[in-house]
Amino acid sequence: MDTPQVTPDLLAAAAEPLVARSADATFGMAEDGGFWLLGLREVDPDLILGVPMSQPDTGPKQLARLEQAGLRIKMLPELTDVDKVREVRTRRPP
């Protein structure tokens, strides 16, 4: 896991709308343009396959794919995807 700010409460907040069926997806963007979490109530590979990973626009492209599918999306807080040691030293949990 390269998002050390994730807490049990954040994971519960991501799962709750899926379990309660108030959302079809939960999504958390990362500051670097990616995403730290994608939760789906129903697995559908077409929602993910073909979205380029590790690009500065991966998060927005993935979110657009979910929106184009007409899913109800619960957005989660934007967090830092830690890729470098200096990011670990400068980031604190939300």
C-alpha atoms as a PDB file:
ATOM      1  CA  MET A   1       0.000   0.000   0.000  1.00  0.00           C
ATOM      2  CA  ASP A   2       1.538   3.278  -1.022  1.00  0.00           C
ATOM      3  CA  THR A   3      -1.010   5.518   0.683  1.00  0.00           C
ATOM      4  CA  PRO A   4      -0.028   5.484   4.360  1.00  0.00           C
ATOM      5  CA  GLN A   5      -2.709   8.004   5.363  1.00  0.00           C
ATOM      6  CA  VAL A   6      -5.393   5.345   4.919  1.00  0.00           C
ATOM      7  CA  THR A   7      -7.067   4.532   8.222  1.00  0.00           C
ATOM      8  CA  PRO A   8      -9.649   1.930   9.203  1.00  0.00           C
ATOM      9  CA  ASP A   9     -12.220   4.760   9.324  1.00  0.00           C
ATOM     10  CA  LEU A  10     -11.455   5.741   5.716  1.00  0.00           C
ATOM     11  CA  LEU A  11     -11.820   2.149   4.581  1.00  0.00           C
ATOM     12  CA  ALA A  12     -15.126   1.870   6.445  1.00  0.00           C
ATOM     13  CA  ALA A  13     -16.288   5.107   4.784  1.00  0.00           C
ATOM     14  CA  ALA A  14     -15.372   3.580   1.422  1.00  0.00           C
ATOM     15  CA  ALA A  15     -17.252   0.346   2.057  1.00  0.00           C
ATOM     16  CA  GLU A  16     -20.391   1.744   3.725  1.00  0.00           C
ATOM     17  CA  PRO A  17     -22.061   3.264   0.623  1.00  0.00           C
ATOM     18  CA  LEU A  18     -21.427   0.052  -1.313  1.00  0.00           C
ATOM     19  CA  VAL A  19     -22.899  -2.147   1.398  1.00  0.00           C
ATOM     20  CA  ALA A  20     -25.838   0.226   1.899  1.00  0.00           C
ATOM     21  CA  ARG A  21     -26.337   0.362  -1.882  1.00  0.00           C
ATOM     22  CA  SER A  22     -26.373   4.169  -1.824  1.00  0.00           C
ATOM     23  CA  ALA A  23     -23.472   4.199  -4.307  1.00  0.00           C
ATOM     24  CA  ASP A  24     -22.247   1.938  -7.065  1.00  0.00           C
ATOM     25  CA  ALA A  25     -18.624   2.982  -6.638  1.00  0.00           C
ATOM     26  CA  THR A  26     -16.360   4.727  -4.173  1.00  0.00           C
ATOM     27  CA  PHE A  27     -13.336   6.606  -5.446  1.00  0.00           C
ATOM     28  CA  GLY A  28     -10.410   8.410  -3.865  1.00  0.00           C
ATOM     29  CA  MET A  29      -8.155  10.594  -5.996  1.00  0.00           C
ATOM     30  CA  ALA A  30      -4.448  10.945  -5.253  1.00  0.00           C
ATOM     31  CA  GLU A  31      -2.610  14.274  -5.324  1.00  0.00           C
ATOM     32  CA  ASP A  32      -0.279  13.051  -8.064  1.00  0.00           C
ATOM     33  CA  GLY A  33      -3.130  12.500 -10.536  1.00  0.00           C
ATOM     34  CA  GLY A  34      -3.725   8.854  -9.752  1.00  0.00           C
ATOM     35  CA  PHE A  35      -6.139   7.294  -7.313  1.00  0.00           C
ATOM     36  CA  TRP A  36      -5.732   5.505  -4.020  1.00  0.00           C
ATOM     37  CA  LEU A  37      -9.012   3.610  -3.901  1.00  0.00           C
ATOM     38  CA  LEU A  38     -11.619   2.283  -6.281  1.00  0.00           C
ATOM     39  CA  GLY A  39     -14.447   0.339  -4.711  1.00  0.00           C
ATOM     40  CA  LEU A  40     -17.154  -1.265  -6.844  1.00  0.00           C
ATOM     41  CA  ARG A  41     -20.411  -2.768  -5.667  1.00  0.00           C
ATOM     42  CA  GLU A  42     -20.388  -5.050  -8.719  1.00  0.00           C
ATOM     43  CA  VAL A  43     -17.157  -6.079 -10.365  1.00  0.00           C
ATOM     44  CA  ASP A  44     -16.978  -5.138 -14.046  1.00  0.00           C
ATOM     45  CA  PRO A  45     -13.543  -5.389 -15.704  1.00  0.00           C
ATOM     46  CA  ASP A  46     -14.681  -3.042 -18.489  1.00  0.00           C
ATOM     47  CA  LEU A  47     -14.745  -0.222 -15.939  1.00  0.00           C
ATOM     48  CA  ILE A  48     -11.001  -0.597 -15.352  1.00  0.00           C
ATOM     49  CA  LEU A  49      -9.335  -2.301 -18.310  1.00  0.00           C
ATOM     50  CA  GLY A  50      -7.677   0.127 -20.690  1.00  0.00           C
ATOM     51  CA  VAL A  51      -7.303   3.000 -18.238  1.00  0.00           C
ATOM     52  CA  PRO A  52      -3.596   3.905 -18.381  1.00  0.00           C
ATOM     53  CA  MET A  53      -1.889   3.475 -15.007  1.00  0.00           C
ATOM     54  CA  SER A  54       0.919   5.575 -13.491  1.00  0.00           C
ATOM     55  CA  GLN A  55       0.124   8.619 -15.589  1.00  0.00           C
ATOM     56  CA  PRO A  56      -0.574  12.158 -14.338  1.00  0.00           C
ATOM     57  CA  ASP A  57      -4.186  11.820 -15.524  1.00  0.00           C
ATOM     58  CA  THR A  58      -4.919   8.240 -14.445  1.00  0.00           C
ATOM     59  CA  GLY A  59      -7.334   9.352 -11.692  1.00  0.00           C
ATOM     60  CA  PRO A  60      -9.418  11.686 -13.869  1.00  0.00           C
ATOM     61  CA  LYS A  61      -9.550   9.106 -16.661  1.00  0.00           C
ATOM     62  CA  GLN A  62     -10.695   6.374 -14.266  1.00  0.00           C
ATOM     63  CA  LEU A  63     -13.301   8.682 -12.740  1.00  0.00           C
ATOM     64  CA  ALA A  64     -14.562   9.618 -16.214  1.00  0.00           C
ATOM     65  CA  ARG A  65     -14.935   5.909 -17.037  1.00  0.00           C
ATOM     66  CA  LEU A  66     -17.109   5.429 -13.949  1.00  0.00           C
ATOM     67  CA  GLU A  67     -19.189   8.513 -14.752  1.00  0.00           C
ATOM     68  CA  GLN A  68     -19.659   7.447 -18.389  1.00  0.00           C
ATOM     69  CA  ALA A  69     -21.011   4.131 -17.116  1.00  0.00           C
ATOM     70  CA  GLY A  70     -23.675   6.058 -15.200  1.00  0.00           C
ATOM     71  CA  LEU A  71     -22.515   4.881 -11.771  1.00  0.00           C
ATOM     72  CA  ARG A  72     -23.428   6.669  -8.551  1.00  0.00           C
ATOM     73  CA  ILE A  73     -20.018   7.560  -7.127  1.00  0.00           C
ATOM     74  CA  LYS A  74     -19.164   8.442  -3.543  1.00  0.00           C
ATOM     75  CA  MET A  75     -15.973  10.512  -3.585  1.00  0.00           C
ATOM     76  CA  LEU A  76     -13.458  10.042  -0.793  1.00  0.00           C
ATOM     77  CA  PRO A  77     -10.783  12.483   0.401  1.00  0.00           C
ATOM     78  CA  GLU A  78      -7.830  13.165  -1.866  1.00  0.00           C
ATOM     79  CA  LEU A  79      -4.693  11.568  -0.416  1.00  0.00           C
ATOM     80  CA  THR A  80      -1.033  11.295  -1.304  1.00  0.00           C
ATOM     81  CA  ASP A  81       0.230   8.341  -3.273  1.00  0.00           C
ATOM     82  CA  VAL A  82       3.727   7.944  -1.852  1.00  0.00           C
ATOM     83  CA  ASP A  83       6.258   7.169  -4.541  1.00  0.00           C
ATOM     84  CA  LYS A  84       9.426   8.667  -3.027  1.00  0.00           C
ATOM     85  CA  VAL A  85      11.027   8.569   0.421  1.00  0.00           C
ATOM     86  CA  ARG A  86      10.809  12.361   0.795  1.00  0.00           C
ATOM     87  CA  GLU A  87       7.008  12.114   0.459  1.00  0.00           C
ATOM     88  CA  VAL A  88       6.869   9.731   3.429  1.00  0.00           C
ATOM     89  CA  ARG A  89       8.708  12.258   5.566  1.00  0.00           C
ATOM     90  CA  THR A  90       6.443  15.177   4.630  1.00  0.00           C
ATOM     91  CA  ARG A  91       2.989  13.559   4.767  1.00  0.00           C
ATOM     92  CA  ARG A  92       0.809  13.154   7.806  1.00  0.00           C
ATOM     93  CA  PRO A  93      -2.571  11.431   8.116  1.00  0.00           C
ATOM     94  CA  PRO A  94      -5.608  13.649   7.376  1.00  0.00           C
END
